[in-house]
Amino acid sequence: GMPAVIRPSATRNLVGAVCTDNGIDIISRITIGTDGVISLQNGLSGT
C-alpha cells in the first residue's frame, strides 16, 4: 500500500532493523520494491 509518490526508482535493499522472531531479537533485511511492497526477512535464515 505504499503511495506511488514515495516508491523508489530501483529496488532498495537495507539491513539493520531490529525485529523479534519468536521472542528473539534479530537483525532484519528490508527490501523496498518499485511496486511499493516492503519485504521483511530474518537476516540470518531469510524467513
ModelCIF file with pLDDT and N, C-alpha, C, O atoms, coordinates in Angstrom:
data_MODEL
#
_entry.id   MODEL 
#
_entity.id                         1 
_entity.type                       polymer 
_entity.pdbx_number_of_molecules   1 
#
_entity_poly.entity_id                      1 
_entity_poly.type                           'polypeptide(L)' 
_entity_poly.nstd_linkage                   no 
_entity_poly.nstd_monomer                   no 
_entity_poly.pdbx_seq_one_letter_code       GMPAVIRPSATRNLVGAVCTDNGIDIISRITIGTDGVISLQNGLSGT 
_entity_poly.pdbx_seq_one_letter_code_can   GMPAVIRPSATRNLVGAVCTDNGIDIISRITIGTDGVISLQNGLSGT 
_entity_poly.pdbx_strand_id                 A 
#
loop_
_entity_poly_seq.entity_id 
_entity_poly_seq.num 
_entity_poly_seq.mon_id 
_entity_poly_seq.hetero 
1 1  GLY n 
1 2  MET n 
1 3  PRO n 
1 4  ALA n 
1 5  VAL n 
1 6  ILE n 
1 7  ARG n 
1 8  PRO n 
1 9  SER n 
1 10 ALA n 
1 11 THR n 
1 12 ARG n 
1 13 ASN n 
1 14 LEU n 
1 15 VAL n 
1 16 GLY n 
1 17 ALA n 
1 18 VAL n 
1 19 CYS n 
1 20 THR n 
1 21 ASP n 
1 22 ASN n 
1 23 GLY n 
1 24 ILE n 
1 25 ASP n 
1 26 ILE n 
1 27 ILE n 
1 28 SER n 
1 29 ARG n 
1 30 ILE n 
1 31 THR n 
1 32 ILE n 
1 33 GLY n 
1 34 THR n 
1 35 ASP n 
1 36 GLY n 
1 37 VAL n 
1 38 ILE n 
1 39 SER n 
1 40 LEU n 
1 41 GLN n 
1 42 ASN n 
1 43 GLY n 
1 44 LEU n 
1 45 SER n 
1 46 GLY n 
1 47 THR n 
#
_struct_asym.id          A 
_struct_asym.entity_id   1 
#
loop_
_ma_qa_metric.id 
_ma_qa_metric.mode 
_ma_qa_metric.name 
_ma_qa_metric.software_group_id 
_ma_qa_metric.type 
1 global pLDDT . pLDDT 
2 local  pLDDT . pLDDT 
#
_ma_qa_metric_global.metric_id      1 
_ma_qa_metric_global.metric_value   86.87 
_ma_qa_metric_global.model_id       1 
_ma_qa_metric_global.ordinal_id     1 
#
loop_
_ma_qa_metric_local.label_asym_id 
_ma_qa_metric_local.label_comp_id 
_ma_qa_metric_local.label_seq_id 
_ma_qa_metric_local.metric_id 
_ma_qa_metric_local.metric_value 
_ma_qa_metric_local.model_id 
_ma_qa_metric_local.ordinal_id 
A GLY 1  2 92.00 1 1  
A MET 2  2 93.00 1 2  
A PRO 3  2 95.00 1 3  
A ALA 4  2 95.00 1 4  
A VAL 5  2 95.00 1 5  
A ILE 6  2 95.00 1 6  
A ARG 7  2 96.00 1 7  
A PRO 8  2 96.00 1 8  
A SER 9  2 96.00 1 9  
A ALA 10 2 97.00 1 10 
A THR 11 2 96.00 1 11 
A ARG 12 2 94.00 1 12 
A ASN 13 2 90.00 1 13 
A LEU 14 2 87.00 1 14 
A VAL 15 2 82.00 1 15 
A GLY 16 2 72.00 1 16 
A ALA 17 2 73.00 1 17 
A VAL 18 2 81.00 1 18 
A CYS 19 2 82.00 1 19 
A THR 20 2 84.00 1 20 
A ASP 21 2 83.00 1 21 
A ASN 22 2 83.00 1 22 
A GLY 23 2 82.00 1 23 
A ILE 24 2 84.00 1 24 
A ASP 25 2 86.00 1 25 
A ILE 26 2 84.00 1 26 
A ILE 27 2 84.00 1 27 
A SER 28 2 84.00 1 28 
A ARG 29 2 85.00 1 29 
A ILE 30 2 87.00 1 30 
A THR 31 2 90.00 1 31 
A ILE 32 2 94.00 1 32 
A GLY 33 2 96.00 1 33 
A THR 34 2 96.00 1 34 
A ASP 35 2 96.00 1 35 
A GLY 36 2 94.00 1 36 
A VAL 37 2 95.00 1 37 
A ILE 38 2 91.00 1 38 
A SER 39 2 87.00 1 39 
A LEU 40 2 84.00 1 40 
A GLN 41 2 84.00 1 41 
A ASN 42 2 81.00 1 42 
A GLY 43 2 76.00 1 43 
A LEU 44 2 65.00 1 44 
A SER 45 2 68.00 1 45 
A GLY 46 2 74.00 1 46 
A THR 47 2 79.00 1 47 
#
loop_
_atom_site.group_PDB 
_atom_site.id 
_atom_site.type_symbol 
_atom_site.label_atom_id 
_atom_site.label_alt_id 
_atom_site.label_comp_id 
_atom_site.label_asym_id 
_atom_site.label_entity_id 
_atom_site.label_seq_id 
_atom_site.pdbx_PDB_ins_code 
_atom_site.Cartn_x 
_atom_site.Cartn_y 
_atom_site.Cartn_z 
_atom_site.occupancy 
_atom_site.B_iso_or_equiv 
_atom_site.pdbx_formal_charge 
_atom_site.auth_seq_id 
_atom_site.auth_comp_id 
_atom_site.auth_asym_id 
_atom_site.auth_atom_id 
_atom_site.pdbx_PDB_model_num 
ATOM 1   N N  . GLY A 1 1  ? 0.784  -1.226  0.000   1.00 92.00 ? 1  GLY A N  1 
ATOM 2   C CA . GLY A 1 1  ? 0.000  0.000   0.000   1.00 92.00 ? 1  GLY A CA 1 
ATOM 3   C C  . GLY A 1 1  ? 0.818  1.278   0.000   1.00 92.00 ? 1  GLY A C  1 
ATOM 4   O O  . GLY A 1 1  ? 0.284  2.342   0.313   1.00 92.00 ? 1  GLY A O  1 
ATOM 5   N N  . MET A 1 2  ? 2.093  1.206   -0.341  1.00 93.00 ? 2  MET A N  1 
ATOM 6   C CA . MET A 1 2  ? 2.936  2.398   -0.374  1.00 93.00 ? 2  MET A CA 1 
ATOM 7   C C  . MET A 1 2  ? 2.461  3.319   -1.497  1.00 93.00 ? 2  MET A C  1 
ATOM 8   O O  . MET A 1 2  ? 2.286  2.862   -2.626  1.00 93.00 ? 2  MET A O  1 
ATOM 9   N N  . PRO A 1 3  ? 2.250  4.598   -1.214  1.00 95.00 ? 3  PRO A N  1 
ATOM 10  C CA . PRO A 1 3  ? 1.841  5.541   -2.267  1.00 95.00 ? 3  PRO A CA 1 
ATOM 11  C C  . PRO A 1 3  ? 2.897  5.630   -3.370  1.00 95.00 ? 3  PRO A C  1 
ATOM 12  O O  . PRO A 1 3  ? 4.093  5.549   -3.092  1.00 95.00 ? 3  PRO A O  1 
ATOM 13  N N  . ALA A 1 4  ? 2.463  5.794   -4.600  1.00 95.00 ? 4  ALA A N  1 
ATOM 14  C CA . ALA A 1 4  ? 3.371  5.841   -5.747  1.00 95.00 ? 4  ALA A CA 1 
ATOM 15  C C  . ALA A 1 4  ? 4.414  6.945   -5.626  1.00 95.00 ? 4  ALA A C  1 
ATOM 16  O O  . ALA A 1 4  ? 5.534  6.784   -6.111  1.00 95.00 ? 4  ALA A O  1 
ATOM 17  N N  . VAL A 1 5  ? 4.079  8.032   -5.007  1.00 95.00 ? 5  VAL A N  1 
ATOM 18  C CA . VAL A 1 5  ? 4.989  9.179   -4.926  1.00 95.00 ? 5  VAL A CA 1 
ATOM 19  C C  . VAL A 1 5  ? 6.246  8.890   -4.092  1.00 95.00 ? 5  VAL A C  1 
ATOM 20  O O  . VAL A 1 5  ? 7.250  9.585   -4.250  1.00 95.00 ? 5  VAL A O  1 
ATOM 21  N N  . ILE A 1 6  ? 6.215  7.885   -3.211  1.00 95.00 ? 6  ILE A N  1 
ATOM 22  C CA . ILE A 1 6  ? 7.398  7.578   -2.398  1.00 95.00 ? 6  ILE A CA 1 
ATOM 23  C C  . ILE A 1 6  ? 8.022  6.223   -2.758  1.00 95.00 ? 6  ILE A C  1 
ATOM 24  O O  . ILE A 1 6  ? 8.837  5.694   -2.002  1.00 95.00 ? 6  ILE A O  1 
ATOM 25  N N  . ARG A 1 7  ? 7.642  5.668   -3.901  1.00 96.00 ? 7  ARG A N  1 
ATOM 26  C CA . ARG A 1 7  ? 8.246  4.411   -4.354  1.00 96.00 ? 7  ARG A CA 1 
ATOM 27  C C  . ARG A 1 7  ? 9.601  4.707   -4.997  1.00 96.00 ? 7  ARG A C  1 
ATOM 28  O O  . ARG A 1 7  ? 9.727  5.679   -5.741  1.00 96.00 ? 7  ARG A O  1 
ATOM 29  N N  . PRO A 1 8  ? 10.611 3.886   -4.722  1.00 96.00 ? 8  PRO A N  1 
ATOM 30  C CA . PRO A 1 8  ? 11.933 4.125   -5.311  1.00 96.00 ? 8  PRO A CA 1 
ATOM 31  C C  . PRO A 1 8  ? 11.954 3.778   -6.801  1.00 96.00 ? 8  PRO A C  1 
ATOM 32  O O  . PRO A 1 8  ? 11.139 2.984   -7.270  1.00 96.00 ? 8  PRO A O  1 
ATOM 33  N N  . SER A 1 9  ? 12.883 4.373   -7.535  1.00 96.00 ? 9  SER A N  1 
ATOM 34  C CA . SER A 1 9  ? 13.015 4.096   -8.973  1.00 96.00 ? 9  SER A CA 1 
ATOM 35  C C  . SER A 1 9  ? 13.707 2.758   -9.231  1.00 96.00 ? 9  SER A C  1 
ATOM 36  O O  . SER A 1 9  ? 13.610 2.213   -10.331 1.00 96.00 ? 9  SER A O  1 
ATOM 37  N N  . ALA A 1 10 ? 14.400 2.227   -8.229  1.00 97.00 ? 10 ALA A N  1 
ATOM 38  C CA . ALA A 1 10 ? 15.046 0.910   -8.302  1.00 97.00 ? 10 ALA A CA 1 
ATOM 39  C C  . ALA A 1 10 ? 14.866 0.227   -6.950  1.00 97.00 ? 10 ALA A C  1 
ATOM 40  O O  . ALA A 1 10 ? 14.699 0.901   -5.933  1.00 97.00 ? 10 ALA A O  1 
ATOM 41  N N  . THR A 1 11 ? 14.898 -1.080  -6.929  1.00 96.00 ? 11 THR A N  1 
ATOM 42  C CA . THR A 1 11 ? 14.752 -1.832  -5.680  1.00 96.00 ? 11 THR A CA 1 
ATOM 43  C C  . THR A 1 11 ? 15.848 -1.436  -4.698  1.00 96.00 ? 11 THR A C  1 
ATOM 44  O O  . THR A 1 11 ? 17.014 -1.322  -5.075  1.00 96.00 ? 11 THR A O  1 
ATOM 45  N N  . ARG A 1 12 ? 15.474 -1.228  -3.442  1.00 94.00 ? 12 ARG A N  1 
ATOM 46  C CA . ARG A 1 12 ? 16.425 -0.862  -2.385  1.00 94.00 ? 12 ARG A CA 1 
ATOM 47  C C  . ARG A 1 12 ? 16.501 -1.993  -1.374  1.00 94.00 ? 12 ARG A C  1 
ATOM 48  O O  . ARG A 1 12 ? 15.477 -2.507  -0.922  1.00 94.00 ? 12 ARG A O  1 
ATOM 49  N N  . ASN A 1 13 ? 17.720 -2.376  -1.022  1.00 90.00 ? 13 ASN A N  1 
ATOM 50  C CA . ASN A 1 13 ? 17.960 -3.414  -0.021  1.00 90.00 ? 13 ASN A CA 1 
ATOM 51  C C  . ASN A 1 13 ? 18.658 -2.781  1.171   1.00 90.00 ? 13 ASN A C  1 
ATOM 52  O O  . ASN A 1 13 ? 19.703 -2.147  1.026   1.00 90.00 ? 13 ASN A O  1 
ATOM 53  N N  . LEU A 1 14 ? 18.077 -2.954  2.346   1.00 87.00 ? 14 LEU A N  1 
ATOM 54  C CA . LEU A 1 14 ? 18.596 -2.348  3.562   1.00 87.00 ? 14 LEU A CA 1 
ATOM 55  C C  . LEU A 1 14 ? 18.790 -3.415  4.627   1.00 87.00 ? 14 LEU A C  1 
ATOM 56  O O  . LEU A 1 14 ? 18.100 -4.434  4.619   1.00 87.00 ? 14 LEU A O  1 
ATOM 57  N N  . VAL A 1 15 ? 19.717 -3.190  5.537   1.00 82.00 ? 15 VAL A N  1 
ATOM 58  C CA . VAL A 1 15 ? 19.984 -4.105  6.633   1.00 82.00 ? 15 VAL A CA 1 
ATOM 59  C C  . VAL A 1 15 ? 20.057 -3.291  7.908   1.00 82.00 ? 15 VAL A C  1 
ATOM 60  O O  . VAL A 1 15 ? 20.549 -2.162  7.900   1.00 82.00 ? 15 VAL A O  1 
ATOM 61  N N  . GLY A 1 16 ? 19.571 -3.852  9.004   1.00 72.00 ? 16 GLY A N  1 
ATOM 62  C CA . GLY A 1 16 ? 19.805 -3.192  10.271  1.00 72.00 ? 16 GLY A CA 1 
ATOM 63  C C  . GLY A 1 16 ? 18.614 -2.978  11.165  1.00 72.00 ? 16 GLY A C  1 
ATOM 64  O O  . GLY A 1 16 ? 18.791 -2.600  12.323  1.00 72.00 ? 16 GLY A O  1 
ATOM 65  N N  . ALA A 1 17 ? 17.405 -3.201  10.685  1.00 73.00 ? 17 ALA A N  1 
ATOM 66  C CA . ALA A 1 17 ? 16.251 -3.049  11.552  1.00 73.00 ? 17 ALA A CA 1 
ATOM 67  C C  . ALA A 1 17 ? 16.217 -4.200  12.552  1.00 73.00 ? 17 ALA A C  1 
ATOM 68  O O  . ALA A 1 17 ? 16.449 -5.350  12.181  1.00 73.00 ? 17 ALA A O  1 
ATOM 69  N N  . VAL A 1 18 ? 15.936 -3.902  13.797  1.00 81.00 ? 18 VAL A N  1 
ATOM 70  C CA . VAL A 1 18 ? 15.830 -4.950  14.804  1.00 81.00 ? 18 VAL A CA 1 
ATOM 71  C C  . VAL A 1 18 ? 14.371 -5.365  14.911  1.00 81.00 ? 18 VAL A C  1 
ATOM 72  O O  . VAL A 1 18 ? 13.499 -4.540  15.186  1.00 81.00 ? 18 VAL A O  1 
ATOM 73  N N  . CYS A 1 19 ? 14.117 -6.636  14.695  1.00 82.00 ? 19 CYS A N  1 
ATOM 74  C CA . CYS A 1 19 ? 12.776 -7.198  14.821  1.00 82.00 ? 19 CYS A CA 1 
ATOM 75  C C  . CYS A 1 19 ? 12.831 -8.336  15.830  1.00 82.00 ? 19 CYS A C  1 
ATOM 76  O O  . CYS A 1 19 ? 13.907 -8.717  16.291  1.00 82.00 ? 19 CYS A O  1 
ATOM 77  N N  . THR A 1 20 ? 11.683 -8.866  16.163  1.00 84.00 ? 20 THR A N  1 
ATOM 78  C CA . THR A 1 20 ? 11.597 -10.000 17.083  1.00 84.00 ? 20 THR A CA 1 
ATOM 79  C C  . THR A 1 20 ? 11.014 -11.188 16.339  1.00 84.00 ? 20 THR A C  1 
ATOM 80  O O  . THR A 1 20 ? 9.997  -11.067 15.657  1.00 84.00 ? 20 THR A O  1 
ATOM 81  N N  . ASP A 1 21 ? 11.657 -12.325 16.472  1.00 83.00 ? 21 ASP A N  1 
ATOM 82  C CA . ASP A 1 21 ? 11.184 -13.562 15.863  1.00 83.00 ? 21 ASP A CA 1 
ATOM 83  C C  . ASP A 1 21 ? 11.120 -14.626 16.953  1.00 83.00 ? 21 ASP A C  1 
ATOM 84  O O  . ASP A 1 21 ? 12.148 -15.132 17.403  1.00 83.00 ? 21 ASP A O  1 
ATOM 85  N N  . ASN A 1 22 ? 9.911  -14.956 17.367  1.00 83.00 ? 22 ASN A N  1 
ATOM 86  C CA . ASN A 1 22 ? 9.689  -15.973 18.392  1.00 83.00 ? 22 ASN A CA 1 
ATOM 87  C C  . ASN A 1 22 ? 10.414 -15.616 19.693  1.00 83.00 ? 22 ASN A C  1 
ATOM 88  O O  . ASN A 1 22 ? 11.002 -16.474 20.351  1.00 83.00 ? 22 ASN A O  1 
ATOM 89  N N  . GLY A 1 23 ? 10.357 -14.331 20.044  1.00 82.00 ? 23 GLY A N  1 
ATOM 90  C CA . GLY A 1 23 ? 10.937 -13.865 21.293  1.00 82.00 ? 23 GLY A CA 1 
ATOM 91  C C  . GLY A 1 23 ? 12.417 -13.545 21.244  1.00 82.00 ? 23 GLY A C  1 
ATOM 92  O O  . GLY A 1 23 ? 12.994 -13.163 22.262  1.00 82.00 ? 23 GLY A O  1 
ATOM 93  N N  . ILE A 1 24 ? 13.052 -13.691 20.079  1.00 84.00 ? 24 ILE A N  1 
ATOM 94  C CA . ILE A 1 24 ? 14.484 -13.424 19.938  1.00 84.00 ? 24 ILE A CA 1 
ATOM 95  C C  . ILE A 1 24 ? 14.675 -12.203 19.048  1.00 84.00 ? 24 ILE A C  1 
ATOM 96  O O  . ILE A 1 24 ? 14.105 -12.134 17.959  1.00 84.00 ? 24 ILE A O  1 
ATOM 97  N N  . ASP A 1 25 ? 15.474 -11.239 19.504  1.00 86.00 ? 25 ASP A N  1 
ATOM 98  C CA . ASP A 1 25 ? 15.776 -10.066 18.682  1.00 86.00 ? 25 ASP A CA 1 
ATOM 99  C C  . ASP A 1 25 ? 16.711 -10.465 17.551  1.00 86.00 ? 25 ASP A C  1 
ATOM 100 O O  . ASP A 1 25 ? 17.701 -11.164 17.768  1.00 86.00 ? 25 ASP A O  1 
ATOM 101 N N  . ILE A 1 26 ? 16.391 -10.014 16.345  1.00 84.00 ? 26 ILE A N  1 
ATOM 102 C CA . ILE A 1 26 ? 17.183 -10.349 15.162  1.00 84.00 ? 26 ILE A CA 1 
ATOM 103 C C  . ILE A 1 26 ? 17.451 -9.085  14.350  1.00 84.00 ? 26 ILE A C  1 
ATOM 104 O O  . ILE A 1 26 ? 16.734 -8.092  14.471  1.00 84.00 ? 26 ILE A O  1 
ATOM 105 N N  . ILE A 1 27 ? 18.474 -9.135  13.537  1.00 84.00 ? 27 ILE A N  1 
ATOM 106 C CA . ILE A 1 27 ? 18.718 -8.082  12.563  1.00 84.00 ? 27 ILE A CA 1 
ATOM 107 C C  . ILE A 1 27 ? 17.973 -8.493  11.294  1.00 84.00 ? 27 ILE A C  1 
ATOM 108 O O  . ILE A 1 27 ? 18.153 -9.603  10.794  1.00 84.00 ? 27 ILE A O  1 
ATOM 109 N N  . SER A 1 28 ? 17.144 -7.599  10.781  1.00 84.00 ? 28 SER A N  1 
ATOM 110 C CA . SER A 1 28 ? 16.333 -7.913  9.619   1.00 84.00 ? 28 SER A CA 1 
ATOM 111 C C  . SER A 1 28 ? 16.885 -7.282  8.353   1.00 84.00 ? 28 SER A C  1 
ATOM 112 O O  . SER A 1 28 ? 17.578 -6.265  8.382   1.00 84.00 ? 28 SER A O  1 
ATOM 113 N N  . ARG A 1 29 ? 16.553 -7.921  7.244   1.00 85.00 ? 29 ARG A N  1 
ATOM 114 C CA . ARG A 1 29 ? 16.800 -7.341  5.929   1.00 85.00 ? 29 ARG A CA 1 
ATOM 115 C C  . ARG A 1 29 ? 15.480 -6.764  5.438   1.00 85.00 ? 29 ARG A C  1 
ATOM 116 O O  . ARG A 1 29 ? 14.418 -7.356  5.630   1.00 85.00 ? 29 ARG A O  1 
ATOM 117 N N  . ILE A 1 30 ? 15.563 -5.608  4.806   1.00 87.00 ? 30 ILE A N  1 
ATOM 118 C CA . ILE A 1 30 ? 14.373 -4.947  4.281   1.00 87.00 ? 30 ILE A CA 1 
ATOM 119 C C  . ILE A 1 30 ? 14.594 -4.710  2.800   1.00 87.00 ? 30 ILE A C  1 
ATOM 120 O O  . ILE A 1 30 ? 15.628 -4.173  2.403   1.00 87.00 ? 30 ILE A O  1 
ATOM 121 N N  . THR A 1 31 ? 13.633 -5.105  1.982   1.00 90.00 ? 31 THR A N  1 
ATOM 122 C CA . THR A 1 31 ? 13.677 -4.826  0.555   1.00 90.00 ? 31 THR A CA 1 
ATOM 123 C C  . THR A 1 31 ? 12.485 -3.947  0.220   1.00 90.00 ? 31 THR A C  1 
ATOM 124 O O  . THR A 1 31 ? 11.346 -4.285  0.539   1.00 90.00 ? 31 THR A O  1 
ATOM 125 N N  . ILE A 1 32 ? 12.750 -2.814  -0.427  1.00 94.00 ? 32 ILE A N  1 
ATOM 126 C CA . ILE A 1 32 ? 11.687 -1.911  -0.861  1.00 94.00 ? 32 ILE A CA 1 
ATOM 127 C C  . ILE A 1 32 ? 11.630 -2.001  -2.375  1.00 94.00 ? 32 ILE A C  1 
ATOM 128 O O  . ILE A 1 32 ? 12.568 -1.600  -3.064  1.00 94.00 ? 32 ILE A O  1 
ATOM 129 N N  . GLY A 1 33 ? 10.536 -2.522  -2.886  1.00 96.00 ? 33 GLY A N  1 
ATOM 130 C CA . GLY A 1 33 ? 10.385 -2.728  -4.322  1.00 96.00 ? 33 GLY A CA 1 
ATOM 131 C C  . GLY A 1 33 ? 9.797  -1.524  -5.037  1.00 96.00 ? 33 GLY A C  1 
ATOM 132 O O  . GLY A 1 33 ? 9.154  -0.670  -4.427  1.00 96.00 ? 33 GLY A O  1 
ATOM 133 N N  . THR A 1 34 ? 10.026 -1.473  -6.319  1.00 96.00 ? 34 THR A N  1 
ATOM 134 C CA . THR A 1 34 ? 9.470  -0.390  -7.130  1.00 96.00 ? 34 THR A CA 1 
ATOM 135 C C  . THR A 1 34 ? 7.948  -0.480  -7.223  1.00 96.00 ? 34 THR A C  1 
ATOM 136 O O  . THR A 1 34 ? 7.290  0.478   -7.629  1.00 96.00 ? 34 THR A O  1 
ATOM 137 N N  . ASP A 1 35 ? 7.392  -1.631  -6.847  1.00 96.00 ? 35 ASP A N  1 
ATOM 138 C CA . ASP A 1 35 ? 5.935  -1.817  -6.844  1.00 96.00 ? 35 ASP A CA 1 
ATOM 139 C C  . ASP A 1 35 ? 5.299  -1.340  -5.544  1.00 96.00 ? 35 ASP A C  1 
ATOM 140 O O  . ASP A 1 35 ? 4.082  -1.417  -5.379  1.00 96.00 ? 35 ASP A O  1 
ATOM 141 N N  . GLY A 1 36 ? 6.138  -0.838  -4.606  1.00 94.00 ? 36 GLY A N  1 
ATOM 142 C CA . GLY A 1 36 ? 5.611  -0.318  -3.357  1.00 94.00 ? 36 GLY A CA 1 
ATOM 143 C C  . GLY A 1 36 ? 5.472  -1.357  -2.260  1.00 94.00 ? 36 GLY A C  1 
ATOM 144 O O  . GLY A 1 36 ? 4.852  -1.081  -1.233  1.00 94.00 ? 36 GLY A O  1 
ATOM 145 N N  . VAL A 1 37 ? 6.032  -2.544  -2.449  1.00 95.00 ? 37 VAL A N  1 
ATOM 146 C CA . VAL A 1 37 ? 5.963  -3.592  -1.442  1.00 95.00 ? 37 VAL A CA 1 
ATOM 147 C C  . VAL A 1 37 ? 7.256  -3.583  -0.627  1.00 95.00 ? 37 VAL A C  1 
ATOM 148 O O  . VAL A 1 37 ? 8.352  -3.605  -1.187  1.00 95.00 ? 37 VAL A O  1 
ATOM 149 N N  . ILE A 1 38 ? 7.118  -3.549  0.694   1.00 91.00 ? 38 ILE A N  1 
ATOM 150 C CA . ILE A 1 38 ? 8.258  -3.641  1.604   1.00 91.00 ? 38 ILE A CA 1 
ATOM 151 C C  . ILE A 1 38 ? 8.276  -5.064  2.147   1.00 91.00 ? 38 ILE A C  1 
ATOM 152 O O  . ILE A 1 38 ? 7.296  -5.524  2.733   1.00 91.00 ? 38 ILE A O  1 
ATOM 153 N N  . SER A 1 39 ? 9.397  -5.759  1.948   1.00 87.00 ? 39 SER A N  1 
ATOM 154 C CA . SER A 1 39 ? 9.542  -7.139  2.419   1.00 87.00 ? 39 SER A CA 1 
ATOM 155 C C  . SER A 1 39 ? 10.517 -7.175  3.582   1.00 87.00 ? 39 SER A C  1 
ATOM 156 O O  . SER A 1 39 ? 11.604 -6.603  3.508   1.00 87.00 ? 39 SER A O  1 
ATOM 157 N N  . LEU A 1 40 ? 10.129 -7.844  4.649   1.00 84.00 ? 40 LEU A N  1 
ATOM 158 C CA . LEU A 1 40 ? 10.974 -8.025  5.820   1.00 84.00 ? 40 LEU A CA 1 
ATOM 159 C C  . LEU A 1 40 ? 11.424 -9.470  5.868   1.00 84.00 ? 40 LEU A C  1 
ATOM 160 O O  . LEU A 1 40 ? 10.620 -10.383 5.681   1.00 84.00 ? 40 LEU A O  1 
ATOM 161 N N  . GLN A 1 41 ? 12.708 -9.679  6.120   1.00 84.00 ? 41 GLN A N  1 
ATOM 162 C CA . GLN A 1 41 ? 13.238 -11.033 6.191   1.00 84.00 ? 41 GLN A CA 1 
ATOM 163 C C  . GLN A 1 41 ? 14.139 -11.164 7.397   1.00 84.00 ? 41 GLN A C  1 
ATOM 164 O O  . GLN A 1 41 ? 14.794 -10.207 7.809   1.00 84.00 ? 41 GLN A O  1 
ATOM 165 N N  . ASN A 1 42 ? 14.166 -12.361 7.959   1.00 81.00 ? 42 ASN A N  1 
ATOM 166 C CA . ASN A 1 42 ? 15.089 -12.666 9.038   1.00 81.00 ? 42 ASN A CA 1 
ATOM 167 C C  . ASN A 1 42 ? 16.497 -12.592 8.455   1.00 81.00 ? 42 ASN A C  1 
ATOM 168 O O  . ASN A 1 42 ? 16.796 -13.279 7.478   1.00 81.00 ? 42 ASN A O  1 
ATOM 169 N N  . GLY A 1 43 ? 17.357 -11.775 9.034   1.00 76.00 ? 43 GLY A N  1 
ATOM 170 C CA . GLY A 1 43 ? 18.691 -11.558 8.497   1.00 76.00 ? 43 GLY A CA 1 
ATOM 171 C C  . GLY A 1 43 ? 19.583 -12.777 8.521   1.00 76.00 ? 43 GLY A C  1 
ATOM 172 O O  . GLY A 1 43 ? 20.571 -12.825 7.788   1.00 76.00 ? 43 GLY A O  1 
ATOM 173 N N  . LEU A 1 44 ? 19.264 -13.771 9.346   1.00 65.00 ? 44 LEU A N  1 
ATOM 174 C CA . LEU A 1 44 ? 20.096 -14.969 9.427   1.00 65.00 ? 44 LEU A CA 1 
ATOM 175 C C  . LEU A 1 44 ? 19.630 -16.059 8.465   1.00 65.00 ? 44 LEU A C  1 
ATOM 176 O O  . LEU A 1 44 ? 20.420 -16.583 7.680   1.00 65.00 ? 44 LEU A O  1 
ATOM 177 N N  . SER A 1 45 ? 18.361 -16.390 8.529   1.00 68.00 ? 45 SER A N  1 
ATOM 178 C CA . SER A 1 45 ? 17.867 -17.517 7.730   1.00 68.00 ? 45 SER A CA 1 
ATOM 179 C C  . SER A 1 45 ? 17.032 -17.088 6.533   1.00 68.00 ? 45 SER A C  1 
ATOM 180 O O  . SER A 1 45 ? 16.773 -17.899 5.644   1.00 68.00 ? 45 SER A O  1 
ATOM 181 N N  . GLY A 1 46 ? 16.606 -15.831 6.493   1.00 74.00 ? 46 GLY A N  1 
ATOM 182 C CA . GLY A 1 46 ? 15.766 -15.367 5.398   1.00 74.00 ? 46 GLY A CA 1 
ATOM 183 C C  . GLY A 1 46 ? 14.285 -15.462 5.684   1.00 74.00 ? 46 GLY A C  1 
ATOM 184 O O  . GLY A 1 46 ? 13.491 -14.742 5.079   1.00 74.00 ? 46 GLY A O  1 
ATOM 185 N N  . THR A 1 47 ? 13.896 -16.349 6.609   1.00 79.00 ? 47 THR A N  1 
ATOM 186 C CA . THR A 1 47 ? 12.475 -16.498 6.931   1.00 79.00 ? 47 THR A CA 1 
ATOM 187 C C  . THR A 1 47 ? 12.275 -16.436 8.441   1.00 79.00 ? 47 THR A C  1 
ATOM 188 O O  . THR A 1 47 ? 11.145 -16.541 8.918   1.00 79.00 ? 47 THR A O  1 
#
